[in-house]
Amino acid sequence: MDKEIRPLETAEEKEATLSEELKESEAQIETVEAAKPLSHQENKVSDHLQHMAENQFENLTDSPTEESDLKEEPKPTLIEEIISWVKVVFTAACIAFVLNTFIIANSNVPTGSMIPTIMAGDRVIGSRLSYRFSAPERGDIAIFIWPDSPEGEKIYYVKRVIGLPGDTVDIIGSHVYLNGSDTPLDEPYLNEEMEPALEPLHFEVPEDSYFMMGDNRNYSSDARFWKNHYVHRDKITAKVLFSYFPRFRILK
């Protein structure tokens, strides 16, 4: 078989062919160079997605711990609740005991013997500390143990201090005179003028004792009528400060 005989390329044709091949090579190089930034962006996107996936995985692995942190503590058992309540009641009882024994005195006044200062049914608070550090003074309203209380019992009264240790108290007509004075005792707290006594009354207050009377003189069973007229110092428990029921009032 006869071979096809190709005519020889001229110098101009060779130059044209080489020029075309050079342009194709440059085009391929430009294509590759243009593709490089795109490949870098893809790598950045890929890295970002991978980072998000890792974070999501970490959140999933941490979630059981967070849920466990949010779980409520186990409820106490019945015995634990009972013990807790016993502690509360015991603590409250101790506080109340200390307050009532050493600091305050809480008293109900059932009669009208101290009207208008204290009304019948009023509840009052007294300070035990007042008479631990100082002696009762004339005009104080005091809570004390009635000197005529039956043996083995403690009946508490609320009256006003009139006579101090060593005083003489004279009740003449409608007035009280102290230590032989011709001027009657000034008593602005009285409910009304005292009805005149049938005869003058004379009292000599012993040392460490006090003479007590009510502000509502005409309706008060006080030292004038007791068998034991005087209240010993150690029987006076508190100085009345205020009434808290049925309404709050500072008492003087």
C-alpha atoms as a PDB file:
ATOM      1  CA  MET A   1       0.000   0.000   0.000  1.00  0.00           C
ATOM      2  CA  ASP A   2       1.284   3.371  -0.861  1.00  0.00           C
ATOM      3  CA  LYS A   3       1.918   5.702   2.140  1.00  0.00           C
ATOM      4  CA  GLU A   4       0.329   9.161   2.175  1.00  0.00           C
ATOM      5  CA  ILE A   5       2.960  11.706   1.460  1.00  0.00           C
ATOM      6  CA  ARG A   6       2.471  14.932   3.543  1.00  0.00           C
ATOM      7  CA  PRO A   7       3.955  18.064   2.077  1.00  0.00           C
ATOM      8  CA  LEU A   8       6.724  19.684   4.082  1.00  0.00           C
ATOM      9  CA  GLU A   9       5.740  22.638   6.314  1.00  0.00           C
ATOM     10  CA  THR A  10       7.142  25.917   5.446  1.00  0.00           C
ATOM     11  CA  ALA A  11       8.963  28.084   7.989  1.00  0.00           C
ATOM     12  CA  GLU A  12       5.941  30.352   8.330  1.00  0.00           C
ATOM     13  CA  GLU A  13       3.606  27.436   9.046  1.00  0.00           C
ATOM     14  CA  LYS A  14       5.961  26.082  11.713  1.00  0.00           C
ATOM     15  CA  GLU A  15       6.080  29.481  13.365  1.00  0.00           C
ATOM     16  CA  ALA A  16       2.270  29.677  13.362  1.00  0.00           C
ATOM     17  CA  THR A  17       1.948  26.199  14.868  1.00  0.00           C
ATOM     18  CA  LEU A  18       4.418  26.999  17.653  1.00  0.00           C
ATOM     19  CA  SER A  19       2.561  30.237  18.402  1.00  0.00           C
ATOM     20  CA  GLU A  20      -0.769  28.380  18.790  1.00  0.00           C
ATOM     21  CA  GLU A  21       0.795  25.764  21.082  1.00  0.00           C
ATOM     22  CA  LEU A  22       2.284  28.540  23.215  1.00  0.00           C
ATOM     23  CA  LYS A  23      -1.116  30.256  23.555  1.00  0.00           C
ATOM     24  CA  GLU A  24      -2.735  26.938  24.574  1.00  0.00           C
ATOM     25  CA  SER A  25      -0.049  26.401  27.248  1.00  0.00           C
ATOM     26  CA  GLU A  26      -0.556  29.938  28.634  1.00  0.00           C
ATOM     27  CA  ALA A  27      -4.303  29.384  28.708  1.00  0.00           C
ATOM     28  CA  GLN A  28      -3.849  26.163  30.669  1.00  0.00           C
ATOM     29  CA  ILE A  29      -1.512  27.938  33.103  1.00  0.00           C
ATOM     30  CA  GLU A  30      -4.085  30.753  33.618  1.00  0.00           C
ATOM     31  CA  THR A  31      -6.792  28.167  34.209  1.00  0.00           C
ATOM     32  CA  VAL A  32      -4.696  26.448  36.837  1.00  0.00           C
ATOM     33  CA  GLU A  33      -3.806  29.764  38.503  1.00  0.00           C
ATOM     34  CA  ALA A  34      -7.448  30.807  38.545  1.00  0.00           C
ATOM     35  CA  ALA A  35      -8.401  27.515  40.110  1.00  0.00           C
ATOM     36  CA  LYS A  36      -5.956  27.926  43.013  1.00  0.00           C
ATOM     37  CA  PRO A  37      -7.916  30.643  44.929  1.00  0.00           C
ATOM     38  CA  LEU A  38     -11.102  28.651  44.543  1.00  0.00           C
ATOM     39  CA  SER A  39      -9.397  25.598  45.960  1.00  0.00           C
ATOM     40  CA  HIS A  40      -8.169  27.694  48.950  1.00  0.00           C
ATOM     41  CA  GLN A  41     -11.684  29.010  49.617  1.00  0.00           C
ATOM     42  CA  GLU A  42     -13.013  25.486  49.482  1.00  0.00           C
ATOM     43  CA  ASN A  43     -10.417  24.471  52.040  1.00  0.00           C
ATOM     44  CA  LYS A  44     -11.497  27.367  54.301  1.00  0.00           C
ATOM     45  CA  VAL A  45     -15.148  26.374  53.972  1.00  0.00           C
ATOM     46  CA  SER A  46     -14.244  22.779  54.655  1.00  0.00           C
ATOM     47  CA  ASP A  47     -12.276  23.775  57.769  1.00  0.00           C
ATOM     48  CA  HIS A  48     -15.187  25.916  59.019  1.00  0.00           C
ATOM     49  CA  LEU A  49     -17.678  23.088  58.546  1.00  0.00           C
ATOM     50  CA  GLN A  50     -15.360  20.706  60.324  1.00  0.00           C
ATOM     51  CA  HIS A  51     -14.984  23.157  63.232  1.00  0.00           C
ATOM     52  CA  MET A  52     -18.761  23.494  63.518  1.00  0.00           C
ATOM     53  CA  ALA A  53     -19.143  19.742  63.514  1.00  0.00           C
ATOM     54  CA  GLU A  54     -16.554  19.402  66.280  1.00  0.00           C
ATOM     55  CA  ASN A  55     -18.346  22.048  68.381  1.00  0.00           C
ATOM     56  CA  GLN A  56     -21.675  20.340  67.879  1.00  0.00           C
ATOM     57  CA  PHE A  57     -20.140  17.050  68.922  1.00  0.00           C
ATOM     58  CA  GLU A  58     -18.693  18.666  72.056  1.00  0.00           C
ATOM     59  CA  ASN A  59     -22.105  20.153  72.910  1.00  0.00           C
ATOM     60  CA  LEU A  60     -23.702  16.779  72.505  1.00  0.00           C
ATOM     61  CA  THR A  61     -21.136  15.165  74.768  1.00  0.00           C
ATOM     62  CA  ASP A  62     -21.514  17.969  77.367  1.00  0.00           C
ATOM     63  CA  SER A  63     -25.299  17.986  77.404  1.00  0.00           C
ATOM     64  CA  PRO A  64     -25.698  15.020  79.799  1.00  0.00           C
ATOM     65  CA  THR A  65     -23.570  16.845  82.379  1.00  0.00           C
ATOM     66  CA  GLU A  66     -25.659  20.038  82.046  1.00  0.00           C
ATOM     67  CA  GLU A  67     -28.854  18.062  82.332  1.00  0.00           C
ATOM     68  CA  SER A  68     -27.533  16.315  85.400  1.00  0.00           C
ATOM     69  CA  ASP A  69     -26.670  19.719  86.891  1.00  0.00           C
ATOM     70  CA  LEU A  70     -30.244  20.873  86.323  1.00  0.00           C
ATOM     71  CA  LYS A  71     -31.757  17.860  87.991  1.00  0.00           C
ATOM     72  CA  GLU A  72     -33.506  18.564  91.303  1.00  0.00           C
ATOM     73  CA  GLU A  73     -31.949  17.291  94.477  1.00  0.00           C
ATOM     74  CA  PRO A  74     -33.593  14.203  95.867  1.00  0.00           C
ATOM     75  CA  LYS A  75     -36.509  14.994  98.173  1.00  0.00           C
ATOM     76  CA  PRO A  76     -35.890  14.373 101.872  1.00  0.00           C
ATOM     77  CA  THR A  77     -37.447  11.328 103.414  1.00  0.00           C
ATOM     78  CA  LEU A  78     -40.299  11.544 105.908  1.00  0.00           C
ATOM     79  CA  ILE A  79     -37.924  10.950 108.816  1.00  0.00           C
ATOM     80  CA  GLU A  80     -35.602  13.716 107.596  1.00  0.00           C
ATOM     81  CA  GLU A  81     -38.539  16.143 107.333  1.00  0.00           C
ATOM     82  CA  ILE A  82     -39.707  15.255 110.849  1.00  0.00           C
ATOM     83  CA  ILE A  83     -36.198  15.797 112.232  1.00  0.00           C
ATOM     84  CA  SER A  84     -36.006  19.140 110.413  1.00  0.00           C
ATOM     85  CA  TRP A  85     -39.326  20.297 111.903  1.00  0.00           C
ATOM     86  CA  VAL A  86     -38.288  19.139 115.361  1.00  0.00           C
ATOM     87  CA  LYS A  87     -35.134  21.251 115.070  1.00  0.00           C
ATOM     88  CA  VAL A  88     -37.166  24.308 114.039  1.00  0.00           C
ATOM     89  CA  VAL A  89     -39.653  23.880 116.895  1.00  0.00           C
ATOM     90  CA  PHE A  90     -36.884  23.236 119.416  1.00  0.00           C
ATOM     91  CA  THR A  91     -34.962  26.335 118.306  1.00  0.00           C
ATOM     92  CA  ALA A  92     -38.095  28.496 118.464  1.00  0.00           C
ATOM     93  CA  ALA A  93     -38.919  27.150 121.932  1.00  0.00           C
ATOM     94  CA  CYS A  94     -35.394  27.927 123.170  1.00  0.00           C
ATOM     95  CA  ILE A  95     -35.574  31.471 121.822  1.00  0.00           C
ATOM     96  CA  ALA A  96     -39.012  32.019 123.382  1.00  0.00           C
ATOM     97  CA  PHE A  97     -37.785  30.634 126.714  1.00  0.00           C
ATOM     98  CA  VAL A  98     -34.769  32.923 126.775  1.00  0.00           C
ATOM     99  CA  LEU A  99     -36.860  35.956 125.789  1.00  0.00           C
ATOM    100  CA  ASN A 100     -39.607  35.340 128.345  1.00  0.00           C
ATOM    101  CA  THR A 101     -37.263  34.340 131.143  1.00  0.00           C
ATOM    102  CA  PHE A 102     -34.531  36.943 130.860  1.00  0.00           C
ATOM    103  CA  ILE A 103     -35.597  39.752 128.527  1.00  0.00           C
ATOM    104  CA  ILE A 104     -39.336  40.413 128.279  1.00  0.00           C
ATOM    105  CA  ALA A 105     -42.541  39.724 130.202  1.00  0.00           C
ATOM    106  CA  ASN A 106     -45.816  39.273 128.360  1.00  0.00           C
ATOM    107  CA  SER A 107     -48.896  39.955 130.458  1.00  0.00           C
ATOM    108  CA  ASN A 108     -52.655  40.147 130.029  1.00  0.00           C
ATOM    109  CA  VAL A 109     -54.529  42.736 132.108  1.00  0.00           C
ATOM    110  CA  PRO A 110     -58.004  41.260 132.721  1.00  0.00           C
ATOM    111  CA  THR A 111     -59.528  44.103 134.764  1.00  0.00           C
ATOM    112  CA  GLY A 112     -60.005  47.870 134.486  1.00  0.00           C
ATOM    113  CA  SER A 113     -57.917  48.750 137.545  1.00  0.00           C
ATOM    114  CA  MET A 114     -55.399  50.650 135.377  1.00  0.00           C
ATOM    115  CA  ILE A 115     -57.890  52.576 133.215  1.00  0.00           C
ATOM    116  CA  PRO A 116     -57.275  54.892 131.367  1.00  0.00           C
ATOM    117  CA  THR A 117     -53.601  53.889 130.996  1.00  0.00           C
ATOM    118  CA  ILE A 118     -54.340  50.219 130.368  1.00  0.00           C
ATOM    119  CA  MET A 119     -57.761  49.033 129.327  1.00  0.00           C
ATOM    120  CA  ALA A 120     -59.330  45.751 130.419  1.00  0.00           C
ATOM    121  CA  GLY A 121     -58.179  42.968 128.103  1.00  0.00           C
ATOM    122  CA  ASP A 122     -55.042  44.766 126.935  1.00  0.00           C
ATOM    123  CA  ARG A 123     -51.888  42.753 126.481  1.00  0.00           C
ATOM    124  CA  VAL A 124     -48.664  44.441 127.516  1.00  0.00           C
ATOM    125  CA  ILE A 125     -44.946  43.848 127.176  1.00  0.00           C
ATOM    126  CA  GLY A 126     -42.539  44.568 129.997  1.00  0.00           C
ATOM    127  CA  SER A 127     -38.761  44.668 130.131  1.00  0.00           C
ATOM    128  CA  ARG A 128     -37.130  42.310 132.622  1.00  0.00           C
ATOM    129  CA  LEU A 129     -33.771  43.935 131.966  1.00  0.00           C
ATOM    130  CA  SER A 130     -34.959  47.303 133.276  1.00  0.00           C
ATOM    131  CA  TYR A 131     -34.945  46.133 136.887  1.00  0.00           C
ATOM    132  CA  ARG A 132     -31.860  43.941 136.579  1.00  0.00           C
ATOM    133  CA  PHE A 133     -29.678  47.009 136.259  1.00  0.00           C
ATOM    134  CA  SER A 134     -31.686  49.679 138.096  1.00  0.00           C
ATOM    135  CA  ALA A 135     -34.300  49.964 140.825  1.00  0.00           C
ATOM    136  CA  PRO A 136     -37.979  50.705 140.186  1.00  0.00           C
ATOM    137  CA  GLU A 137     -38.851  54.382 140.203  1.00  0.00           C
ATOM    138  CA  ARG A 138     -41.949  56.209 141.372  1.00  0.00           C
ATOM    139  CA  GLY A 139     -44.486  56.350 138.566  1.00  0.00           C
ATOM    140  CA  ASP A 140     -43.282  53.172 136.845  1.00  0.00           C
ATOM    141  CA  ILE A 141     -45.894  50.678 135.728  1.00  0.00           C
ATOM    142  CA  ALA A 142     -44.669  47.322 136.975  1.00  0.00           C
ATOM    143  CA  ILE A 143     -45.501  43.648 136.620  1.00  0.00           C
ATOM    144  CA  PHE A 144     -45.090  41.810 139.921  1.00  0.00           C
ATOM    145  CA  ILE A 145     -46.181  38.790 141.896  1.00  0.00           C
ATOM    146  CA  TRP A 146     -49.144  39.645 144.115  1.00  0.00           C
ATOM    147  CA  PRO A 147     -47.934  39.437 147.727  1.00  0.00           C
ATOM    148  CA  ASP A 148     -51.162  37.710 148.775  1.00  0.00           C
ATOM    149  CA  SER A 149     -50.763  34.894 146.218  1.00  0.00           C
ATOM    150  CA  PRO A 150     -51.669  31.489 147.713  1.00  0.00           C
ATOM    151  CA  GLU A 151     -48.699  29.402 148.719  1.00  0.00           C
ATOM    152  CA  GLY A 152     -47.203  27.644 145.736  1.00  0.00           C
ATOM    153  CA  GLU A 153     -48.926  29.935 143.226  1.00  0.00           C
ATOM    154  CA  LYS A 154     -47.807  33.021 141.361  1.00  0.00           C
ATOM    155  CA  ILE A 155     -50.499  35.563 140.520  1.00  0.00           C
ATOM    156  CA  TYR A 156     -49.209  38.501 138.540  1.00  0.00           C
ATOM    157  CA  TYR A 157     -50.530  42.040 138.923  1.00  0.00           C
ATOM    158  CA  VAL A 158     -49.924  45.229 136.960  1.00  0.00           C
ATOM    159  CA  LYS A 159     -49.938  48.431 139.032  1.00  0.00           C
ATOM    160  CA  ARG A 160     -48.128  51.746 139.363  1.00  0.00           C
ATOM    161  CA  VAL A 161     -45.257  52.308 141.785  1.00  0.00           C
ATOM    162  CA  ILE A 162     -46.317  54.952 144.353  1.00  0.00           C
ATOM    163  CA  GLY A 163     -44.197  54.395 147.460  1.00  0.00           C
ATOM    164  CA  LEU A 164     -40.440  53.659 147.375  1.00  0.00           C
ATOM    165  CA  PRO A 165     -38.366  51.897 150.058  1.00  0.00           C
ATOM    166  CA  GLY A 166     -38.383  53.955 153.270  1.00  0.00           C
ATOM    167  CA  ASP A 167     -41.293  56.194 152.186  1.00  0.00           C
ATOM    168  CA  THR A 168     -44.309  56.994 154.276  1.00  0.00           C
ATOM    169  CA  VAL A 169     -47.574  57.062 152.350  1.00  0.00           C
ATOM    170  CA  ASP A 170     -50.612  58.858 153.728  1.00  0.00           C
ATOM    171  CA  ILE A 171     -53.978  58.769 152.009  1.00  0.00           C
ATOM    172  CA  ILE A 172     -56.152  61.594 153.265  1.00  0.00           C
ATOM    173  CA  GLY A 173     -59.418  62.419 151.581  1.00  0.00           C
ATOM    174  CA  SER A 174     -58.931  62.036 147.841  1.00  0.00           C
ATOM    175  CA  HIS A 175     -55.168  62.543 147.782  1.00  0.00           C
ATOM    176  CA  VAL A 176     -51.867  60.774 148.430  1.00  0.00           C
ATOM    177  CA  TYR A 177     -49.174  62.455 150.528  1.00  0.00           C
ATOM    178  CA  LEU A 178     -45.577  61.226 150.677  1.00  0.00           C
ATOM    179  CA  ASN A 179     -43.110  61.545 153.546  1.00  0.00           C
ATOM    180  CA  GLY A 180     -45.178  64.033 155.548  1.00  0.00           C
ATOM    181  CA  SER A 181     -45.520  66.551 152.719  1.00  0.00           C
ATOM    182  CA  ASP A 182     -48.400  69.003 152.798  1.00  0.00           C
ATOM    183  CA  THR A 183     -48.582  68.897 148.988  1.00  0.00           C
ATOM    184  CA  PRO A 184     -50.425  65.954 147.492  1.00  0.00           C
ATOM    185  CA  LEU A 185     -48.671  63.764 144.985  1.00  0.00           C
ATOM    186  CA  ASP A 186     -49.205  64.973 141.414  1.00  0.00           C
ATOM    187  CA  GLU A 187     -50.931  62.142 139.536  1.00  0.00           C
ATOM    188  CA  PRO A 188     -51.988  63.230 136.028  1.00  0.00           C
ATOM    189  CA  TYR A 189     -52.545  59.598 135.005  1.00  0.00           C
ATOM    190  CA  LEU A 190     -55.592  59.078 137.261  1.00  0.00           C
ATOM    191  CA  ASN A 191     -58.882  58.172 135.615  1.00  0.00           C
ATOM    192  CA  GLU A 192     -60.866  60.268 138.067  1.00  0.00           C
ATOM    193  CA  GLU A 193     -60.527  61.735 141.519  1.00  0.00           C
ATOM    194  CA  MET A 194     -60.272  59.103 144.219  1.00  0.00           C
ATOM    195  CA  GLU A 195     -63.301  58.784 146.463  1.00  0.00           C
ATOM    196  CA  PRO A 196     -62.430  59.974 149.980  1.00  0.00           C
ATOM    197  CA  ALA A 197     -61.414  57.245 152.381  1.00  0.00           C
ATOM    198  CA  LEU A 198     -63.589  56.782 155.449  1.00  0.00           C
ATOM    199  CA  GLU A 199     -60.549  57.511 157.544  1.00  0.00           C
ATOM    200  CA  PRO A 200     -56.942  58.474 156.800  1.00  0.00           C
ATOM    201  CA  LEU A 201     -54.617  55.619 155.828  1.00  0.00           C
ATOM    202  CA  HIS A 202     -50.966  55.518 156.812  1.00  0.00           C
ATOM    203  CA  PHE A 203     -48.296  53.179 155.412  1.00  0.00           C
ATOM    204  CA  GLU A 204     -44.575  52.881 156.076  1.00  0.00           C
ATOM    205  CA  VAL A 205     -42.792  51.154 153.209  1.00  0.00           C
ATOM    206  CA  PRO A 206     -40.049  48.737 154.366  1.00  0.00           C
ATOM    207  CA  GLU A 207     -36.608  48.648 152.823  1.00  0.00           C
ATOM    208  CA  ASP A 208     -36.417  46.679 149.556  1.00  0.00           C
ATOM    209  CA  SER A 209     -40.191  46.991 149.166  1.00  0.00           C
ATOM    210  CA  TYR A 210     -42.673  49.096 147.204  1.00  0.00           C
ATOM    211  CA  PHE A 211     -46.228  50.403 147.567  1.00  0.00           C
ATOM    212  CA  MET A 212     -48.424  49.838 144.480  1.00  0.00           C
ATOM    213  CA  MET A 213     -51.740  51.428 143.420  1.00  0.00           C
ATOM    214  CA  GLY A 214     -53.955  51.344 140.324  1.00  0.00           C
ATOM    215  CA  ASP A 215     -54.702  54.360 138.136  1.00  0.00           C
ATOM    216  CA  ASN A 216     -58.434  53.678 138.368  1.00  0.00           C
ATOM    217  CA  ARG A 217     -58.414  54.215 142.123  1.00  0.00           C
ATOM    218  CA  ASN A 218     -62.131  53.757 142.715  1.00  0.00           C
ATOM    219  CA  TYR A 219     -62.086  50.315 141.053  1.00  0.00           C
ATOM    220  CA  SER A 220     -58.651  49.025 141.949  1.00  0.00           C
ATOM    221  CA  SER A 221     -57.798  46.308 144.424  1.00  0.00           C
ATOM    222  CA  ASP A 222     -54.332  47.491 145.346  1.00  0.00           C
ATOM    223  CA  ALA A 223     -51.942  47.894 148.280  1.00  0.00           C
ATOM    224  CA  ARG A 224     -54.520  49.814 150.310  1.00  0.00           C
ATOM    225  CA  PHE A 225     -56.599  46.657 150.715  1.00  0.00           C
ATOM    226  CA  TRP A 226     -54.088  43.800 150.620  1.00  0.00           C
ATOM    227  CA  LYS A 227     -53.204  41.776 153.669  1.00  0.00           C
ATOM    228  CA  ASN A 228     -49.534  42.196 152.754  1.00  0.00           C
ATOM    229  CA  HIS A 229     -49.391  45.826 151.703  1.00  0.00           C
ATOM    230  CA  TYR A 230     -45.895  45.863 150.222  1.00  0.00           C
ATOM    231  CA  VAL A 231     -44.230  44.193 147.259  1.00  0.00           C
ATOM    232  CA  HIS A 232     -40.698  43.000 147.870  1.00  0.00           C
ATOM    233  CA  ARG A 233     -38.055  43.955 145.342  1.00  0.00           C
ATOM    234  CA  ASP A 234     -37.442  40.376 144.198  1.00  0.00           C
ATOM    235  CA  LYS A 235     -41.162  39.947 143.390  1.00  0.00           C
ATOM    236  CA  ILE A 236     -41.115  42.724 140.796  1.00  0.00           C
ATOM    237  CA  THR A 237     -40.421  41.078 137.430  1.00  0.00           C
ATOM    238  CA  ALA A 238     -40.619  43.765 134.742  1.00  0.00           C
ATOM    239  CA  LYS A 239     -41.246  47.371 133.833  1.00  0.00           C
ATOM    240  CA  VAL A 240     -44.199  47.749 131.444  1.00  0.00           C
ATOM    241  CA  LEU A 241     -43.179  49.475 128.214  1.00  0.00           C
ATOM    242  CA  PHE A 242     -46.108  49.251 125.814  1.00  0.00           C
ATOM    243  CA  SER A 243     -49.438  47.674 124.984  1.00  0.00           C
ATOM    244  CA  TYR A 244     -49.542  45.670 121.746  1.00  0.00           C
ATOM    245  CA  PHE A 245     -53.117  44.351 121.725  1.00  0.00           C
ATOM    246  CA  PRO A 246     -55.721  45.350 120.683  1.00  0.00           C
ATOM    247  CA  ARG A 247     -53.649  48.339 119.578  1.00  0.00           C
ATOM    248  CA  PHE A 248     -50.096  49.521 120.055  1.00  0.00           C
ATOM    249  CA  ARG A 249     -49.495  52.229 122.649  1.00  0.00           C
ATOM    250  CA  ILE A 250     -46.442  53.415 124.572  1.00  0.00           C
ATOM    251  CA  LEU A 251     -47.340  53.364 128.267  1.00  0.00           C
ATOM    252  CA  LYS A 252     -46.183  55.917 130.829  1.00  0.00           C
END
